[in-house]
Amino acid sequence: MTIDQIIDSVYPVPAEVRIELLQLIEEVKLPKGHLLLRADKTETDIYFIKKGIVRAFATADAAEITFWFGREGDAIISMRSYVAGEKGYEDIELLEDCELYKLSTPDLQRLYRREIHLANWGRKFAEQELIKTEERLISRQFRNATERYRELLEHNPDLIRRVSLRHIASYLGITQVSLSRIRAGRN
């Protein structure tokens, strides 16, 4: 996915503002397994996925709990660092070799202060991320594992081919054995 497509998916900005924003963006390639963002660290960069799959997870009682998958077009961000300048709570791992667009949060904040179109883009970006988080929370609270699996298949069918079953099981909050039963229709 191109950076122009990603920018426009959030909120279109005038050409001259886009040029300023694009000057701040760097393309990076990183290998599968790389930990891009770390828990307990204040992150100063935002990434957008050009190509690849990532997961966000937290560790509790020595177990990794996956709570988000990102793919082409998605933002990789520690919202806590972005909004409050505080240490994040999540690790972000690359599940495939990835091509990313990297943007410095301090640089972006400077543009927000100067350019109303970009400030509006930033507001829409934060609103979209909030809605995605709310949808994940509601799904987790009000749907059982089978319903969450079906929802995952409906909205992200390629994840099943691209992500290990142990990460999918973790995301659904179940064991791999339970996931196998659900996939076999024996739930």
N, C-alpha and C. Protein backbone atom coordinates (compact mmCIF):
# COMPACT_ATOMS: atom_id res chain seq x y z
N MET A 1 0.86 -1.17 0.00
CA MET A 1 0.00 0.00 0.00
C MET A 1 0.90 1.24 0.00
N THR A 2 0.57 2.21 -0.79
CA THR A 2 1.41 3.40 -0.86
C THR A 2 1.11 4.33 0.30
N ILE A 3 2.07 5.18 0.60
CA ILE A 3 1.86 6.15 1.69
C ILE A 3 0.75 7.12 1.33
N ASP A 4 0.61 7.47 0.05
CA ASP A 4 -0.49 8.36 -0.35
C ASP A 4 -1.85 7.71 -0.07
N GLN A 5 -1.98 6.43 -0.35
CA GLN A 5 -3.23 5.72 -0.06
C GLN A 5 -3.51 5.71 1.44
N ILE A 6 -2.48 5.50 2.23
CA ILE A 6 -2.64 5.48 3.69
C ILE A 6 -3.06 6.85 4.20
N ILE A 7 -2.39 7.89 3.75
CA ILE A 7 -2.74 9.25 4.17
C ILE A 7 -4.19 9.54 3.83
N ASP A 8 -4.59 9.24 2.58
CA ASP A 8 -5.96 9.53 2.14
C ASP A 8 -7.00 8.70 2.87
N SER A 9 -6.62 7.50 3.32
CA SER A 9 -7.58 6.67 4.05
C SER A 9 -7.92 7.26 5.41
N VAL A 10 -7.04 8.11 5.92
CA VAL A 10 -7.30 8.78 7.19
C VAL A 10 -8.11 10.05 6.95
N TYR A 11 -7.57 10.93 6.09
CA TYR A 11 -8.20 12.22 5.84
C TYR A 11 -7.39 12.91 4.75
N PRO A 12 -8.02 13.25 3.64
CA PRO A 12 -7.26 13.89 2.55
C PRO A 12 -6.72 15.25 2.99
N VAL A 13 -5.51 15.55 2.56
CA VAL A 13 -4.89 16.85 2.86
C VAL A 13 -4.47 17.50 1.54
N PRO A 14 -4.41 18.84 1.53
CA PRO A 14 -3.99 19.54 0.31
C PRO A 14 -2.58 19.12 -0.13
N ALA A 15 -2.31 19.24 -1.42
CA ALA A 15 -1.05 18.79 -2.02
C ALA A 15 0.16 19.39 -1.33
N GLU A 16 0.13 20.69 -1.03
CA GLU A 16 1.30 21.33 -0.43
C GLU A 16 1.56 20.81 0.99
N VAL A 17 0.50 20.45 1.70
CA VAL A 17 0.64 19.89 3.05
C VAL A 17 1.16 18.45 2.94
N ARG A 18 0.65 17.71 1.98
CA ARG A 18 1.10 16.33 1.75
C ARG A 18 2.61 16.31 1.48
N ILE A 19 3.08 17.26 0.68
CA ILE A 19 4.52 17.33 0.36
C ILE A 19 5.32 17.51 1.64
N GLU A 20 4.87 18.39 2.52
CA GLU A 20 5.58 18.59 3.80
C GLU A 20 5.60 17.32 4.63
N LEU A 21 4.46 16.64 4.67
CA LEU A 21 4.36 15.41 5.44
C LEU A 21 5.26 14.32 4.85
N LEU A 22 5.22 14.17 3.54
CA LEU A 22 6.02 13.14 2.88
C LEU A 22 7.52 13.34 3.09
N GLN A 23 7.94 14.58 3.25
CA GLN A 23 9.36 14.85 3.50
C GLN A 23 9.82 14.31 4.85
N LEU A 24 8.88 14.08 5.76
CA LEU A 24 9.21 13.57 7.09
C LEU A 24 9.19 12.04 7.18
N ILE A 25 8.71 11.39 6.12
CA ILE A 25 8.51 9.94 6.16
C ILE A 25 9.68 9.22 5.51
N GLU A 26 10.13 8.19 6.22
CA GLU A 26 11.25 7.38 5.76
C GLU A 26 10.76 5.94 5.56
N GLU A 27 11.16 5.31 4.48
CA GLU A 27 10.83 3.89 4.28
C GLU A 27 11.90 3.03 4.92
N VAL A 28 11.45 2.01 5.66
CA VAL A 28 12.39 1.09 6.30
C VAL A 28 11.95 -0.35 6.02
N LYS A 29 12.92 -1.25 5.92
CA LYS A 29 12.66 -2.67 5.78
C LYS A 29 13.26 -3.37 6.98
N LEU A 30 12.45 -4.22 7.62
CA LEU A 30 12.91 -4.93 8.81
C LEU A 30 12.51 -6.39 8.71
N PRO A 31 13.30 -7.28 9.35
CA PRO A 31 13.06 -8.72 9.20
C PRO A 31 11.99 -9.26 10.14
N LYS A 32 11.43 -10.37 9.72
CA LYS A 32 10.50 -11.13 10.55
C LYS A 32 11.14 -11.38 11.91
N GLY A 33 10.33 -11.26 12.98
CA GLY A 33 10.83 -11.50 14.33
C GLY A 33 11.33 -10.25 15.04
N HIS A 34 11.55 -9.17 14.29
CA HIS A 34 12.05 -7.92 14.89
C HIS A 34 10.99 -7.34 15.83
N LEU A 35 11.43 -6.91 17.02
CA LEU A 35 10.53 -6.20 17.94
C LEU A 35 10.64 -4.71 17.63
N LEU A 36 9.59 -4.18 17.04
CA LEU A 36 9.59 -2.80 16.58
C LEU A 36 9.34 -1.81 17.72
N LEU A 37 8.32 -2.08 18.52
CA LEU A 37 8.03 -1.26 19.70
C LEU A 37 8.16 -2.14 20.92
N ARG A 38 8.57 -1.53 22.01
CA ARG A 38 8.81 -2.28 23.25
C ARG A 38 7.96 -1.74 24.39
N ALA A 39 7.45 -2.66 25.19
CA ALA A 39 6.72 -2.27 26.41
C ALA A 39 7.67 -1.53 27.34
N ASP A 40 7.14 -0.65 28.14
CA ASP A 40 7.90 0.12 29.13
C ASP A 40 8.92 1.04 28.49
N LYS A 41 8.65 1.48 27.27
CA LYS A 41 9.51 2.44 26.59
C LYS A 41 8.63 3.51 25.97
N THR A 42 9.05 4.75 26.07
CA THR A 42 8.33 5.83 25.40
C THR A 42 8.77 5.83 23.94
N GLU A 43 7.84 5.55 23.06
CA GLU A 43 8.13 5.46 21.63
C GLU A 43 8.01 6.84 20.99
N THR A 44 8.91 7.13 20.07
CA THR A 44 8.91 8.45 19.43
C THR A 44 8.65 8.37 17.93
N ASP A 45 8.26 7.18 17.46
CA ASP A 45 7.97 7.02 16.04
C ASP A 45 6.63 6.33 15.85
N ILE A 46 6.02 6.65 14.73
CA ILE A 46 4.81 5.99 14.25
C ILE A 46 5.21 5.28 12.97
N TYR A 47 4.64 4.13 12.73
CA TYR A 47 4.91 3.40 11.50
C TYR A 47 3.58 3.10 10.81
N PHE A 48 3.63 3.01 9.51
CA PHE A 48 2.50 2.55 8.71
C PHE A 48 3.01 1.38 7.88
N ILE A 49 2.19 0.35 7.76
CA ILE A 49 2.64 -0.87 7.10
C ILE A 49 2.42 -0.76 5.59
N LYS A 50 3.51 -0.78 4.88
CA LYS A 50 3.46 -0.84 3.41
C LYS A 50 3.25 -2.29 2.99
N LYS A 51 4.00 -3.20 3.63
CA LYS A 51 3.90 -4.62 3.30
C LYS A 51 4.28 -5.41 4.55
N GLY A 52 3.42 -6.39 4.90
CA GLY A 52 3.74 -7.26 6.02
C GLY A 52 2.63 -7.36 7.05
N ILE A 53 2.89 -8.18 8.04
CA ILE A 53 1.96 -8.43 9.15
C ILE A 53 2.72 -8.26 10.46
N VAL A 54 2.06 -7.66 11.45
CA VAL A 54 2.65 -7.48 12.78
C VAL A 54 1.61 -7.87 13.83
N ARG A 55 2.10 -8.05 15.04
CA ARG A 55 1.17 -8.29 16.15
C ARG A 55 1.58 -7.45 17.34
N ALA A 56 0.59 -7.05 18.11
CA ALA A 56 0.83 -6.38 19.39
C ALA A 56 0.52 -7.39 20.47
N PHE A 57 1.40 -7.43 21.48
CA PHE A 57 1.16 -8.36 22.57
C PHE A 57 1.68 -7.78 23.87
N ALA A 58 1.16 -8.33 24.94
CA ALA A 58 1.63 -8.00 26.28
C ALA A 58 1.94 -9.32 26.98
N THR A 59 2.81 -9.26 27.96
CA THR A 59 3.18 -10.46 28.70
C THR A 59 2.55 -10.40 30.08
N ALA A 60 1.87 -11.49 30.44
CA ALA A 60 1.25 -11.60 31.75
C ALA A 60 1.48 -13.02 32.25
N ASP A 61 1.97 -13.14 33.46
CA ASP A 61 2.24 -14.45 34.05
C ASP A 61 3.07 -15.32 33.10
N ALA A 62 4.10 -14.74 32.52
CA ALA A 62 5.05 -15.41 31.62
C ALA A 62 4.42 -15.89 30.31
N ALA A 63 3.20 -15.45 30.02
CA ALA A 63 2.54 -15.82 28.77
C ALA A 63 2.34 -14.57 27.92
N GLU A 64 2.54 -14.72 26.62
CA GLU A 64 2.29 -13.61 25.70
C GLU A 64 0.82 -13.63 25.29
N ILE A 65 0.18 -12.48 25.39
CA ILE A 65 -1.22 -12.36 25.00
C ILE A 65 -1.29 -11.39 23.82
N THR A 66 -1.64 -11.93 22.67
CA THR A 66 -1.77 -11.13 21.46
C THR A 66 -3.12 -10.43 21.50
N PHE A 67 -3.12 -9.11 21.28
CA PHE A 67 -4.40 -8.41 21.29
C PHE A 67 -4.67 -7.60 20.03
N TRP A 68 -3.75 -7.66 19.05
CA TRP A 68 -3.97 -6.92 17.81
C TRP A 68 -3.06 -7.45 16.72
N PHE A 69 -3.58 -7.51 15.52
CA PHE A 69 -2.79 -7.80 14.33
C PHE A 69 -2.88 -6.59 13.42
N GLY A 70 -1.77 -6.23 12.81
CA GLY A 70 -1.76 -5.15 11.84
C GLY A 70 -1.26 -5.68 10.52
N ARG A 71 -1.78 -5.11 9.45
CA ARG A 71 -1.37 -5.52 8.12
C ARG A 71 -1.32 -4.31 7.21
N GLU A 72 -1.11 -4.52 5.94
CA GLU A 72 -0.93 -3.44 4.99
C GLU A 72 -1.96 -2.32 5.20
N GLY A 73 -1.42 -1.10 5.32
CA GLY A 73 -2.26 0.08 5.51
C GLY A 73 -2.48 0.47 6.96
N ASP A 74 -2.21 -0.43 7.89
CA ASP A 74 -2.44 -0.13 9.31
C ASP A 74 -1.29 0.67 9.92
N ALA A 75 -1.64 1.40 10.96
CA ALA A 75 -0.65 2.14 11.73
C ALA A 75 -0.10 1.26 12.84
N ILE A 76 1.17 1.44 13.13
CA ILE A 76 1.80 0.80 14.28
C ILE A 76 2.18 1.94 15.21
N ILE A 77 1.56 1.95 16.36
CA ILE A 77 1.72 3.10 17.24
C ILE A 77 1.50 2.68 18.69
N SER A 78 2.25 3.27 19.57
CA SER A 78 1.94 3.18 20.99
C SER A 78 1.11 4.43 21.29
N MET A 79 -0.20 4.26 21.41
CA MET A 79 -1.07 5.43 21.62
C MET A 79 -0.71 6.15 22.92
N ARG A 80 -0.28 5.40 23.91
CA ARG A 80 0.09 6.03 25.19
C ARG A 80 1.28 6.96 24.99
N SER A 81 2.27 6.53 24.20
CA SER A 81 3.42 7.38 23.91
C SER A 81 3.01 8.56 23.04
N TYR A 82 2.19 8.30 22.03
CA TYR A 82 1.76 9.32 21.07
C TYR A 82 0.94 10.42 21.75
N VAL A 83 -0.02 10.03 22.58
CA VAL A 83 -0.92 11.00 23.19
C VAL A 83 -0.33 11.63 24.45
N ALA A 84 0.23 10.80 25.32
CA ALA A 84 0.65 11.30 26.63
C ALA A 84 2.16 11.40 26.80
N GLY A 85 2.92 10.92 25.83
CA GLY A 85 4.38 10.95 25.98
C GLY A 85 4.88 10.03 27.08
N GLU A 86 4.12 8.97 27.35
CA GLU A 86 4.46 8.04 28.42
C GLU A 86 4.87 6.68 27.85
N LYS A 87 5.44 5.86 28.70
CA LYS A 87 5.86 4.52 28.30
C LYS A 87 4.64 3.69 27.90
N GLY A 88 4.80 2.93 26.81
CA GLY A 88 3.73 2.08 26.34
C GLY A 88 3.66 0.78 27.11
N TYR A 89 2.62 0.01 26.85
CA TYR A 89 2.44 -1.26 27.55
C TYR A 89 2.56 -2.45 26.60
N GLU A 90 2.76 -2.21 25.30
CA GLU A 90 2.75 -3.29 24.34
C GLU A 90 4.09 -3.48 23.66
N ASP A 91 4.33 -4.70 23.22
CA ASP A 91 5.42 -5.02 22.31
C ASP A 91 4.79 -5.22 20.94
N ILE A 92 5.49 -4.81 19.90
CA ILE A 92 5.03 -5.04 18.52
C ILE A 92 6.10 -5.87 17.83
N GLU A 93 5.69 -7.05 17.37
CA GLU A 93 6.60 -7.98 16.70
C GLU A 93 6.21 -8.09 15.23
N LEU A 94 7.22 -8.11 14.37
CA LEU A 94 6.97 -8.32 12.94
C LEU A 94 6.83 -9.82 12.69
N LEU A 95 5.71 -10.23 12.12
CA LEU A 95 5.45 -11.64 11.85
C LEU A 95 5.88 -12.04 10.44
N GLU A 96 6.23 -11.08 9.64
CA GLU A 96 6.79 -11.29 8.30
C GLU A 96 7.87 -10.24 8.10
N ASP A 97 8.72 -10.44 7.10
CA ASP A 97 9.60 -9.34 6.69
C ASP A 97 8.68 -8.19 6.32
N CYS A 98 9.00 -6.99 6.79
CA CYS A 98 8.08 -5.86 6.60
C CYS A 98 8.76 -4.68 5.92
N GLU A 99 7.96 -3.99 5.14
CA GLU A 99 8.32 -2.69 4.60
C GLU A 99 7.39 -1.69 5.27
N LEU A 100 7.99 -0.69 5.90
CA LEU A 100 7.23 0.25 6.72
C LEU A 100 7.54 1.69 6.33
N TYR A 101 6.60 2.55 6.62
CA TYR A 101 6.82 3.99 6.53
C TYR A 101 6.98 4.49 7.97
N LYS A 102 8.07 5.17 8.24
CA LYS A 102 8.40 5.63 9.59
C LYS A 102 8.24 7.15 9.66
N LEU A 103 7.60 7.61 10.73
CA LEU A 103 7.34 9.03 10.92
C LEU A 103 7.63 9.39 12.37
N SER A 104 8.45 10.39 12.58
CA SER A 104 8.80 10.85 13.93
C SER A 104 7.62 11.60 14.54
N THR A 105 7.22 11.19 15.73
CA THR A 105 6.12 11.85 16.42
C THR A 105 6.43 13.32 16.71
N PRO A 106 7.63 13.68 17.21
CA PRO A 106 7.90 15.10 17.44
C PRO A 106 7.82 15.93 16.15
N ASP A 107 8.30 15.39 15.03
CA ASP A 107 8.19 16.10 13.76
C ASP A 107 6.73 16.29 13.37
N LEU A 108 5.94 15.24 13.54
CA LEU A 108 4.52 15.32 13.22
C LEU A 108 3.82 16.34 14.11
N GLN A 109 4.15 16.35 15.40
CA GLN A 109 3.54 17.31 16.32
C GLN A 109 3.85 18.75 15.91
N ARG A 110 5.08 18.99 15.45
CA ARG A 110 5.44 20.34 14.98
C ARG A 110 4.57 20.74 13.78
N LEU A 111 4.35 19.81 12.87
CA LEU A 111 3.48 20.10 11.72
C LEU A 111 2.04 20.36 12.17
N TYR A 112 1.57 19.61 13.15
CA TYR A 112 0.22 19.82 13.67
C TYR A 112 0.06 21.27 14.14
N ARG A 113 1.06 21.80 14.82
CA ARG A 113 0.96 23.15 15.37
C ARG A 113 0.95 24.21 14.28
N ARG A 114 1.55 23.91 13.13
CA ARG A 114 1.66 24.88 12.03
C ARG A 114 0.56 24.78 10.99
N GLU A 115 0.03 23.60 10.84
CA GLU A 115 -0.82 23.34 9.68
C GLU A 115 -2.15 22.71 10.11
N ILE A 116 -3.24 23.48 9.98
CA ILE A 116 -4.56 23.02 10.44
C ILE A 116 -5.02 21.76 9.69
N HIS A 117 -4.69 21.66 8.40
CA HIS A 117 -5.09 20.47 7.64
C HIS A 117 -4.44 19.21 8.23
N LEU A 118 -3.20 19.34 8.64
CA LEU A 118 -2.52 18.20 9.23
C LEU A 118 -3.02 17.94 10.65
N ALA A 119 -3.35 18.99 11.37
CA ALA A 119 -3.94 18.80 12.70
C ALA A 119 -5.26 18.04 12.58
N ASN A 120 -6.05 18.38 11.57
CA ASN A 120 -7.30 17.65 11.34
C ASN A 120 -7.02 16.21 10.94
N TRP A 121 -5.99 15.99 10.13
CA TRP A 121 -5.60 14.63 9.77
C TRP A 121 -5.24 13.85 11.04
N GLY A 122 -4.47 14.47 11.92
CA GLY A 122 -4.08 13.81 13.18
C GLY A 122 -5.27 13.50 14.06
N ARG A 123 -6.23 14.40 14.10
CA ARG A 123 -7.45 14.15 14.89
C ARG A 123 -8.20 12.96 14.32
N LYS A 124 -8.37 12.92 12.99
CA LYS A 124 -9.07 11.80 12.36
C LYS A 124 -8.31 10.49 12.57
N PHE A 125 -6.99 10.55 12.50
CA PHE A 125 -6.16 9.37 12.74
C PHE A 125 -6.42 8.82 14.15
N ALA A 126 -6.37 9.70 15.15
CA ALA A 126 -6.59 9.27 16.54
C ALA A 126 -8.01 8.73 16.73
N GLU A 127 -8.99 9.37 16.09
CA GLU A 127 -10.37 8.90 16.19
C GLU A 127 -10.51 7.50 15.59
N GLN A 128 -9.90 7.27 14.45
CA GLN A 128 -9.97 5.95 13.81
C GLN A 128 -9.32 4.88 14.69
N GLU A 129 -8.19 5.21 15.28
CA GLU A 129 -7.51 4.25 16.16
C GLU A 129 -8.37 3.95 17.39
N LEU A 130 -9.06 4.97 17.92
CA LEU A 130 -9.94 4.77 19.06
C LEU A 130 -11.10 3.84 18.70
N ILE A 131 -11.68 4.02 17.53
CA ILE A 131 -12.77 3.15 17.10
C ILE A 131 -12.30 1.71 16.96
N LYS A 132 -11.13 1.51 16.37
CA LYS A 132 -10.58 0.15 16.23
C LYS A 132 -10.39 -0.50 17.60
N THR A 133 -9.88 0.26 18.54
CA THR A 133 -9.67 -0.26 19.90
C THR A 133 -11.00 -0.61 20.55
N GLU A 134 -11.97 0.27 20.39
CA GLU A 134 -13.29 0.03 20.96
C GLU A 134 -13.92 -1.24 20.35
N GLU A 135 -13.78 -1.42 19.05
CA GLU A 135 -14.33 -2.61 18.40
C GLU A 135 -13.68 -3.88 18.94
N ARG A 136 -12.36 -3.85 19.14
CA ARG A 136 -11.67 -5.04 19.70
C ARG A 136 -12.16 -5.32 21.12
N LEU A 137 -12.34 -4.28 21.92
CA LEU A 137 -12.81 -4.45 23.29
C LEU A 137 -14.22 -5.04 23.31
N ILE A 138 -15.10 -4.49 22.51
CA ILE A 138 -16.47 -5.00 22.47
C ILE A 138 -16.50 -6.45 22.01
N SER A 139 -15.73 -6.76 20.98
CA SER A 139 -15.68 -8.14 20.50
C SER A 139 -15.21 -9.08 21.61
N ARG A 140 -14.18 -8.66 22.32
CA ARG A 140 -13.61 -9.51 23.39
C ARG A 140 -14.61 -9.70 24.53
N GLN A 141 -15.38 -8.65 24.84
CA GLN A 141 -16.29 -8.70 25.98
C GLN A 141 -17.61 -9.41 25.67
N PHE A 142 -18.08 -9.29 24.44
CA PHE A 142 -19.45 -9.72 24.15
C PHE A 142 -19.57 -10.88 23.17
N ARG A 143 -18.46 -11.38 22.68
CA ARG A 143 -18.51 -12.52 21.76
C ARG A 143 -17.69 -13.67 22.32
N ASN A 144 -18.17 -14.87 22.09
CA ASN A 144 -17.39 -16.03 22.53
C ASN A 144 -16.29 -16.30 21.51
N ALA A 145 -15.43 -17.25 21.80
CA ALA A 145 -14.26 -17.52 20.96
C ALA A 145 -14.66 -17.92 19.54
N THR A 146 -15.70 -18.70 19.40
CA THR A 146 -16.15 -19.12 18.07
C THR A 146 -16.61 -17.91 17.26
N GLU A 147 -17.36 -17.03 17.89
CA GLU A 147 -17.83 -15.82 17.20
C GLU A 147 -16.66 -14.91 16.83
N ARG A 148 -15.69 -14.81 17.74
CA ARG A 148 -14.51 -13.97 17.44
C ARG A 148 -13.70 -14.57 16.30
N TYR A 149 -13.60 -15.89 16.25
CA TYR A 149 -12.88 -16.55 15.16
C TYR A 149 -13.60 -16.29 13.83
N ARG A 150 -14.91 -16.46 13.81
CA ARG A 150 -15.68 -16.20 12.58
C ARG A 150 -15.54 -14.75 12.14
N GLU A 151 -15.55 -13.85 13.12
CA GLU A 151 -15.37 -12.42 12.82
C GLU A 151 -13.99 -12.17 12.21
N LEU A 152 -12.99 -12.81 12.76
CA LEU A 152 -11.63 -12.69 12.24
C LEU A 152 -11.57 -13.20 10.80
N LEU A 153 -12.19 -14.34 10.53
CA LEU A 153 -12.22 -14.89 9.17
C LEU A 153 -12.95 -13.96 8.21
N GLU A 154 -14.05 -13.38 8.67
CA GLU A 154 -14.85 -12.51 7.81
C GLU A 154 -14.11 -11.23 7.45
N HIS A 155 -13.46 -10.61 8.44
CA HIS A 155 -12.83 -9.31 8.22
C HIS A 155 -11.37 -9.41 7.79
N ASN A 156 -10.70 -10.51 8.12
CA ASN A 156 -9.27 -10.66 7.83
C ASN A 156 -8.95 -12.09 7.40
N PRO A 157 -9.53 -12.58 6.31
CA PRO A 157 -9.32 -13.98 5.95
C PRO A 157 -7.87 -14.35 5.67
N ASP A 158 -7.07 -13.39 5.23
CA ASP A 158 -5.67 -13.69 4.93
C ASP A 158 -4.83 -13.93 6.18
N LEU A 159 -5.30 -13.49 7.35
CA LEU A 159 -4.53 -13.70 8.58
C LEU A 159 -4.34 -15.18 8.87
N ILE A 160 -5.32 -15.99 8.55
CA ILE A 160 -5.23 -17.42 8.84
C ILE A 160 -4.06 -18.05 8.08
N ARG A 161 -3.78 -17.55 6.89
CA ARG A 161 -2.66 -18.07 6.09
C ARG A 161 -1.33 -17.45 6.51
N ARG A 162 -1.35 -16.28 7.09
CA ARG A 162 -0.11 -15.54 7.32
C ARG A 162 0.36 -15.53 8.77
N VAL A 163 -0.49 -15.93 9.69
CA VAL A 163 -0.18 -15.85 11.12
C VAL A 163 -0.25 -17.25 11.73
N SER A 164 0.67 -17.54 12.64
CA SER A 164 0.68 -18.86 13.28
C SER A 164 -0.59 -19.07 14.11
N LEU A 165 -0.99 -20.33 14.20
CA LEU A 165 -2.20 -20.65 14.97
C LEU A 165 -2.03 -20.32 16.45
N ARG A 166 -0.80 -20.40 16.96
CA ARG A 166 -0.62 -20.07 18.38
C ARG A 166 -0.90 -18.59 18.63
N HIS A 167 -0.54 -17.72 17.68
CA HIS A 167 -0.84 -16.29 17.84
C HIS A 167 -2.33 -16.03 17.69
N ILE A 168 -2.98 -16.74 16.77
CA ILE A 168 -4.43 -16.58 16.60
C ILE A 168 -5.15 -17.07 17.85
N ALA A 169 -4.74 -18.20 18.39
CA ALA A 169 -5.35 -18.72 19.62
C ALA A 169 -5.18 -17.71 20.75
N SER A 170 -3.98 -17.15 20.88
CA SER A 170 -3.72 -16.15 21.92
C SER A 170 -4.63 -14.94 21.74
N TYR A 171 -4.78 -14.51 20.50
CA TYR A 171 -5.64 -13.36 20.19
C TYR A 171 -7.09 -13.64 20.60
N LEU A 172 -7.53 -14.88 20.36
CA LEU A 172 -8.90 -15.25 20.70
C LEU A 172 -9.08 -15.57 22.18
N GLY A 173 -7.96 -15.67 22.91
CA GLY A 173 -8.03 -15.96 24.34
C GLY A 173 -8.30 -17.42 24.65
N ILE A 174 -7.84 -18.31 23.76
CA ILE A 174 -8.08 -19.74 23.92
C ILE A 174 -6.79 -20.52 23.67
N THR A 175 -6.85 -21.82 23.93
CA THR A 175 -5.68 -22.67 23.64
C THR A 175 -5.70 -23.06 22.17
N GLN A 176 -4.56 -23.58 21.70
CA GLN A 176 -4.50 -24.06 20.32
C GLN A 176 -5.42 -25.27 20.12
N VAL A 177 -5.58 -26.08 21.14
CA VAL A 177 -6.49 -27.23 21.06
C VAL A 177 -7.92 -26.75 20.84
N SER A 178 -8.32 -25.74 21.60
CA SER A 178 -9.68 -25.18 21.43
C SER A 178 -9.85 -24.56 20.05
N LEU A 179 -8.80 -23.90 19.57
CA LEU A 179 -8.86 -23.33 18.22
C LEU A 179 -9.02 -24.43 17.18
N SER A 180 -8.33 -25.53 17.36
CA SER A 180 -8.45 -26.65 16.42
C SER A 180 -9.88 -27.19 16.41
N ARG A 181 -10.49 -27.27 17.57
CA ARG A 181 -11.90 -27.73 17.66
C ARG A 181 -12.83 -26.76 16.93
N ILE A 182 -12.60 -25.46 17.14
CA ILE A 182 -13.44 -24.46 16.48
C ILE A 182 -13.27 -24.57 14.96
N ARG A 183 -12.05 -24.71 14.52
CA ARG A 183 -11.79 -24.80 13.08
C ARG A 183 -12.39 -26.05 12.47
N ALA A 184 -12.46 -27.10 13.25
CA ALA A 184 -13.05 -28.37 12.78
C ALA A 184 -14.56 -28.37 12.92
N GLY A 185 -15.12 -27.32 13.53
CA GLY A 185 -16.57 -27.25 13.71
C GLY A 185 -17.08 -28.07 14.87
N ARG A 186 -16.18 -28.38 15.81
CA ARG A 186 -16.55 -29.19 16.98
C ARG A 186 -16.57 -28.35 18.25
N ASN A 187 -16.94 -27.12 18.16
CA ASN A 187 -16.93 -26.26 19.35
C ASN A 187 -18.11 -26.60 20.19
